[in-house]
Each structure stands twice: as C-alpha cells, then as structure tokens.
Amino acid sequence: MNESRPSRTGMSTVLRKGVPPPALCGFLLLLALMFALSYVAGAFAGPVAPGMRGADTRSPGGGGHTDGTDDMGDMGEGGH
C-alpha cells in the first residue's frame, strides 16, 4: 500500500521554485497598501507647516541662524 508518487519534473517544478512563498507576497502587498494609504492621507491633510522653508541659510527668510547658535541652546553646557 505504499505507493510512491511520481516526482514532479518540468515546468511545474521550475515555477514552484521561482515563486516566493504566499506569506511573503501577502506581506509585501499589505506593506504597499499601507504606504499607499499613508500617502493618500498625507496628501489629503496637506502640508504640516506651509510657511516652513528649507535649511538653506543663504536665502533670505531661510530660517538659518546668523549668530552661530543652534536650536539646542545651552543644553550641552550643563544647563539642566
């Protein structure tokens, strides 16, 4: 009663070895869906700070400091 099945050969074996597991495909599909939904939600919400400019200190109104200080103030100098 121990009947052995014939081994799969040909294209079906090649296709099975070349296809990623279904769980990986599902995960990647879910990941792409989450990115798409977050992009749509961000586009719907609009810019967070419309007046904010880049960190270019050469342009007028670029938000850069000209006095040599940074945004952290005296935090690194013992100012608890």
Protein backbone atom coordinates (compact mmCIF):
# COMPACT_ATOMS: atom_id res chain seq x y z
CA MET A 1 0.00 0.00 0.00
CA ASN A 2 2.98 2.27 -0.04
CA GLU A 3 2.51 3.83 -3.43
CA SER A 4 5.07 6.41 -4.34
CA ARG A 5 4.05 9.39 -6.37
CA PRO A 6 5.98 10.22 -9.46
CA SER A 7 8.30 13.15 -8.87
CA ARG A 8 7.33 16.43 -10.44
CA THR A 9 9.52 17.39 -13.30
CA GLY A 10 9.41 20.01 -15.94
CA MET A 11 7.85 23.44 -15.80
CA SER A 12 5.81 22.96 -12.62
CA THR A 13 8.96 22.36 -10.57
CA VAL A 14 10.70 25.36 -12.11
CA LEU A 15 7.68 27.57 -11.44
CA ARG A 16 7.37 26.42 -7.83
CA LYS A 17 11.00 27.14 -7.09
CA GLY A 18 10.87 30.59 -8.72
CA VAL A 19 7.77 31.87 -6.89
CA PRO A 20 8.16 33.36 -3.41
CA PRO A 21 6.05 31.94 -0.57
CA PRO A 22 2.45 33.20 -0.35
CA ALA A 23 3.05 34.71 3.10
CA LEU A 24 5.83 36.91 1.70
CA CYS A 25 3.62 38.02 -1.19
CA GLY A 26 0.81 38.87 1.22
CA PHE A 27 3.16 40.82 3.48
CA LEU A 28 4.56 42.83 0.57
CA LEU A 29 1.06 43.54 -0.71
CA LEU A 30 -0.03 44.72 2.74
CA LEU A 31 3.08 46.88 3.05
CA ALA A 32 2.42 48.51 -0.33
CA LEU A 33 -1.20 49.10 0.64
CA MET A 34 -0.18 50.78 3.91
CA PHE A 35 2.27 53.07 2.10
CA ALA A 36 -0.40 53.99 -0.45
CA LEU A 37 -2.95 54.75 2.26
CA SER A 38 -0.49 56.87 4.22
CA TYR A 39 0.41 58.80 1.06
CA VAL A 40 -3.26 59.50 0.34
CA ALA A 41 -3.87 60.57 3.95
CA GLY A 42 -0.85 62.90 3.82
CA ALA A 43 -1.96 64.38 0.51
CA PHE A 44 -5.44 64.91 1.93
CA ALA A 45 -4.14 66.58 5.12
CA GLY A 46 -1.91 68.97 3.21
CA PRO A 47 1.35 70.49 4.35
CA VAL A 48 2.07 70.46 8.07
CA ALA A 49 3.86 73.81 8.13
CA PRO A 50 3.10 75.70 4.92
CA GLY A 51 5.45 78.61 5.72
CA MET A 52 8.41 76.43 6.60
CA ARG A 53 11.42 76.75 4.35
CA GLY A 54 14.44 74.53 3.90
CA ALA A 55 17.60 74.74 5.99
CA ASP A 56 19.38 76.87 3.39
CA THR A 57 20.97 79.72 5.38
CA ARG A 58 21.96 81.68 2.29
CA SER A 59 18.44 82.56 1.21
CA PRO A 60 16.57 85.38 2.96
CA GLY A 61 13.99 84.05 5.38
CA GLY A 62 15.53 80.57 5.19
CA GLY A 63 15.28 80.05 8.93
CA GLY A 64 19.03 79.84 9.45
CA HIS A 65 20.80 81.40 12.43
CA THR A 66 23.36 84.09 11.72
CA ASP A 67 24.72 84.42 15.26
CA GLY A 68 26.33 80.95 15.30
CA THR A 69 23.93 79.38 17.81
CA ASP A 70 21.92 76.26 17.23
CA ASP A 71 18.38 75.33 18.23
CA MET A 72 19.50 73.37 21.30
CA GLY A 73 20.71 76.41 23.21
CA ASP A 74 22.84 75.66 26.29
CA MET A 75 21.76 72.06 26.81
CA GLY A 76 25.25 70.64 26.30
CA GLU A 77 26.92 73.09 28.70
CA GLY A 78 25.43 71.93 31.98
CA GLY A 79 22.27 73.99 31.73
CA HIS A 80 19.88 71.49 33.34
